[in-house]
Amino acid sequence: MRAIGGLWRWRHNPLRRATDLMEAWLALVALLFVLVVAPVTGLLVGGVAQDALQRAVRAQHASRYEVTATVVRRLTRSPLEADPETSTLRDSRSRVTADWTAPDGTVRHGPVVTALKTPHTGDHFTLWTDAHGTLVARPLDPVTATTHAVLAGLGAAMLTVGLVEGMRRLVLWRMVRRRYARWDRAWERAGPDWGRTGTGS
């Protein structure tokens, strides 16, 4: 509001140049874009992302099933898996051979990763599979999907703010370049006679 009031009072200031007024209007338009267009863009992108992600959540929950697996035996760690950067993650999970029954009734058997710290034969744990018993990732939950949608909306809003500010700076840079060019031309006309007697300087 202060910028708008200052712009209104500045209209009749005898010291203002046309470029000064253009710069003030440019700043006001950029501010309005930041206050109106950026939030609207964020809401639209967030809404579209929310719809798409929630559809993905429903599809994943419809096609993925949580089944109970039984540990057959623990697998030893391969000597090739000696990456120290992932040792913490690997220490919190164990590789085992397990049996599980697929949602279609078929019995499956194979190596899996479990969160059991010290698995023993006969221990039970849960897995996510498709309808045929093939291992799949855990389905996305609605809260996580909403969080991703909110982050997408915020990112779009911030990107819009950055684009508006970048365009404002680009236009301002071109205006300043033109002003300097006009000053150079005016100085070239006045420069040779500046300070000489009888030239009206």
Protein backbone atom coordinates (compact mmCIF):
# COMPACT_ATOMS: atom_id res chain seq x y z
CA MET A 1 0.00 0.00 0.00
CA ARG A 2 2.88 2.39 0.77
CA ALA A 3 4.30 1.76 -2.72
CA ILE A 4 0.93 2.54 -4.32
CA GLY A 5 0.58 5.73 -2.24
CA GLY A 6 4.11 6.82 -3.15
CA LEU A 7 3.43 6.11 -6.81
CA TRP A 8 0.26 8.21 -6.68
CA ARG A 9 2.05 11.19 -5.07
CA TRP A 10 5.00 10.84 -7.46
CA ARG A 11 2.90 11.33 -10.58
CA HIS A 12 3.18 15.13 -10.42
CA ASN A 13 6.69 15.39 -8.97
CA PRO A 14 8.62 17.86 -11.20
CA LEU A 15 11.87 15.91 -10.72
CA ARG A 16 10.59 12.57 -11.92
CA ARG A 17 11.55 11.28 -15.34
CA ALA A 18 9.36 9.16 -17.57
CA THR A 19 11.65 6.19 -16.93
CA ASP A 20 11.25 6.64 -13.17
CA LEU A 21 7.49 6.34 -13.52
CA MET A 22 7.89 3.30 -15.78
CA GLU A 23 10.16 1.64 -13.21
CA ALA A 24 7.62 2.31 -10.46
CA TRP A 25 4.79 0.83 -12.55
CA LEU A 26 6.97 -2.16 -13.38
CA ALA A 27 7.61 -2.79 -9.67
CA LEU A 28 3.88 -2.46 -8.91
CA VAL A 29 2.87 -4.90 -11.67
CA ALA A 30 5.53 -7.39 -10.53
CA LEU A 31 4.26 -7.10 -6.94
CA LEU A 32 0.68 -7.76 -8.06
CA PHE A 33 1.84 -10.81 -10.02
CA VAL A 34 3.68 -12.12 -6.97
CA LEU A 35 0.68 -11.55 -4.70
CA VAL A 36 -1.99 -12.89 -7.08
CA VAL A 37 -0.57 -15.07 -9.88
CA ALA A 38 1.97 -17.01 -7.78
CA PRO A 39 -0.57 -18.24 -5.18
CA VAL A 40 -3.11 -19.10 -7.90
CA THR A 41 -0.45 -21.04 -9.81
CA GLY A 42 0.54 -22.88 -6.63
CA LEU A 43 -3.07 -23.79 -5.89
CA LEU A 44 -3.69 -25.04 -9.43
CA VAL A 45 -0.52 -27.13 -9.59
CA GLY A 46 -1.09 -28.45 -6.08
CA GLY A 47 -4.68 -29.38 -6.92
CA VAL A 48 -3.69 -31.20 -10.11
CA ALA A 49 -0.88 -33.02 -8.27
CA GLN A 50 -3.24 -33.94 -5.43
CA ASP A 51 -5.80 -35.43 -7.84
CA ALA A 52 -3.15 -37.42 -9.72
CA LEU A 53 -1.45 -38.68 -6.57
CA GLN A 54 -4.69 -39.68 -4.87
CA ARG A 55 -5.70 -41.61 -7.99
CA ALA A 56 -2.31 -43.36 -7.83
CA VAL A 57 -2.90 -44.13 -4.14
CA ARG A 58 -6.28 -45.71 -4.90
CA ALA A 59 -4.84 -47.70 -7.82
CA GLN A 60 -1.92 -48.97 -5.74
CA HIS A 61 -4.15 -49.97 -2.84
CA ALA A 62 -6.44 -51.81 -5.26
CA SER A 63 -3.61 -53.76 -6.89
CA ARG A 64 -1.19 -54.38 -4.01
CA TYR A 65 -1.79 -56.76 -1.14
CA GLU A 66 -0.22 -57.18 2.28
CA VAL A 67 0.59 -60.83 2.95
CA THR A 68 2.26 -62.64 5.80
CA ALA A 69 5.56 -64.38 5.05
CA THR A 70 7.39 -66.97 7.12
CA VAL A 71 11.17 -67.04 7.51
CA VAL A 72 12.73 -70.28 6.21
CA ARG A 73 16.34 -69.30 6.88
CA ARG A 74 18.52 -66.24 7.19
CA LEU A 75 20.81 -65.40 4.28
CA THR A 76 24.38 -64.39 4.91
CA ARG A 77 25.58 -61.06 3.61
CA SER A 78 27.40 -61.22 0.31
CA PRO A 79 31.09 -60.24 0.50
CA LEU A 80 30.47 -57.98 -2.51
CA GLU A 81 28.11 -55.84 -0.43
CA ALA A 82 30.76 -54.02 1.56
CA ASP A 83 29.71 -50.40 0.97
CA PRO A 84 30.34 -48.57 4.29
CA GLU A 85 27.98 -45.74 3.35
CA THR A 86 24.96 -48.05 3.36
CA SER A 87 26.02 -50.23 6.27
CA THR A 88 23.63 -48.50 8.68
CA LEU A 89 20.63 -49.18 6.45
CA ARG A 90 21.78 -52.75 5.85
CA ASP A 91 22.29 -53.36 9.59
CA SER A 92 18.64 -52.41 10.27
CA ARG A 93 17.33 -54.92 7.68
CA SER A 94 17.99 -58.60 7.08
CA ARG A 95 17.92 -60.80 3.99
CA VAL A 96 16.07 -64.06 4.42
CA THR A 97 14.56 -66.85 2.40
CA ALA A 98 10.82 -66.88 3.04
CA ASP A 99 7.58 -68.56 2.04
CA TRP A 100 4.35 -66.67 1.43
CA THR A 101 0.98 -67.33 -0.14
CA ALA A 102 -0.08 -65.00 -2.96
CA PRO A 103 -3.59 -63.49 -3.00
CA ASP A 104 -4.44 -65.87 -5.88
CA GLY A 105 -3.58 -68.85 -3.66
CA THR A 106 -0.21 -69.82 -5.12
CA VAL A 107 2.65 -70.51 -2.71
CA ARG A 108 5.77 -68.45 -3.35
CA HIS A 109 9.32 -68.96 -2.10
CA GLY A 110 12.37 -66.75 -2.43
CA PRO A 111 14.85 -64.27 -0.95
CA VAL A 112 13.39 -61.11 0.55
CA VAL A 113 14.47 -58.23 2.77
CA THR A 114 12.79 -57.93 6.16
CA ALA A 115 12.85 -55.40 8.95
CA LEU A 116 13.37 -58.20 11.51
CA LYS A 117 16.69 -57.48 13.21
CA THR A 118 17.42 -61.07 14.22
CA PRO A 119 15.17 -63.31 12.11
CA HIS A 120 14.78 -66.94 13.08
CA THR A 121 13.19 -69.83 11.24
CA GLY A 122 9.41 -69.64 11.64
CA ASP A 123 9.26 -65.89 12.33
CA HIS A 124 6.44 -64.05 10.55
CA PHE A 125 6.58 -60.67 8.85
CA THR A 126 4.53 -58.79 6.25
CA LEU A 127 5.23 -58.27 2.57
CA TRP A 128 3.50 -56.34 -0.20
CA THR A 129 2.78 -58.26 -3.39
CA ASP A 130 0.65 -58.01 -6.50
CA ALA A 131 -2.24 -60.41 -7.16
CA HIS A 132 0.18 -63.15 -8.33
CA GLY A 133 2.52 -62.90 -5.32
CA THR A 134 5.32 -60.92 -6.97
CA LEU A 135 7.01 -58.56 -4.53
CA VAL A 136 6.13 -54.89 -4.97
CA ALA A 137 6.82 -51.69 -3.06
CA ARG A 138 4.53 -50.59 -0.26
CA PRO A 139 1.64 -48.53 -1.69
CA LEU A 140 1.73 -44.77 -1.25
CA ASP A 141 -0.41 -43.58 1.64
CA PRO A 142 -2.83 -40.63 1.29
CA VAL A 143 -0.97 -38.41 3.79
CA THR A 144 2.33 -38.77 1.93
CA ALA A 145 0.56 -38.09 -1.37
CA THR A 146 -0.96 -34.91 0.07
CA THR A 147 2.47 -33.83 1.35
CA HIS A 148 3.94 -34.30 -2.14
CA ALA A 149 1.06 -32.30 -3.65
CA VAL A 150 1.59 -29.43 -1.18
CA LEU A 151 5.32 -29.40 -1.97
CA ALA A 152 4.54 -29.35 -5.70
CA GLY A 153 2.20 -26.38 -5.18
CA LEU A 154 4.78 -24.50 -3.12
CA GLY A 155 7.45 -25.24 -5.70
CA ALA A 156 5.24 -23.93 -8.50
CA ALA A 157 4.46 -20.77 -6.54
CA MET A 158 8.13 -20.15 -5.79
CA LEU A 159 9.04 -20.80 -9.42
CA THR A 160 6.42 -18.25 -10.50
CA VAL A 161 7.85 -15.69 -8.07
CA GLY A 162 11.33 -16.35 -9.45
CA LEU A 163 10.14 -15.97 -13.05
CA VAL A 164 8.31 -12.72 -12.28
CA GLU A 165 11.34 -11.28 -10.49
CA GLY A 166 13.63 -12.42 -13.28
CA MET A 167 11.43 -10.77 -15.92
CA ARG A 168 11.25 -7.58 -13.82
CA ARG A 169 15.03 -7.44 -13.53
CA LEU A 170 15.46 -8.11 -17.25
CA VAL A 171 13.05 -5.32 -18.24
CA LEU A 172 14.65 -2.97 -15.69
CA TRP A 173 18.13 -3.81 -17.04
CA ARG A 174 16.98 -2.97 -20.58
CA MET A 175 15.43 0.30 -19.39
CA VAL A 176 18.65 1.29 -17.61
CA ARG A 177 20.70 0.41 -20.69
CA ARG A 178 18.46 2.61 -22.83
CA ARG A 179 18.74 5.44 -20.31
CA TYR A 180 22.54 5.21 -20.35
CA ALA A 181 22.49 5.19 -24.16
CA ARG A 182 20.38 8.37 -24.17
CA TRP A 183 22.78 9.99 -21.70
CA ASP A 184 25.72 9.03 -23.90
CA ARG A 185 24.05 10.58 -26.97
CA ALA A 186 23.19 13.75 -25.03
CA TRP A 187 26.75 13.99 -23.74
CA GLU A 188 28.15 13.53 -27.24
CA ARG A 189 26.05 16.48 -28.41
CA ALA A 190 26.95 18.71 -25.43
CA GLY A 191 30.45 17.40 -24.67
CA PRO A 192 32.57 19.22 -27.31
CA ASP A 193 31.23 22.65 -26.29
CA TRP A 194 30.92 22.06 -22.55
CA GLY A 195 32.68 24.74 -20.52
CA ARG A 196 33.62 26.94 -23.47
CA THR A 197 33.05 30.70 -23.28
CA GLY A 198 30.03 31.93 -25.17
CA THR A 199 28.38 28.52 -25.58
CA GLY A 200 25.78 29.15 -22.92
CA SER A 201 27.40 26.68 -20.50
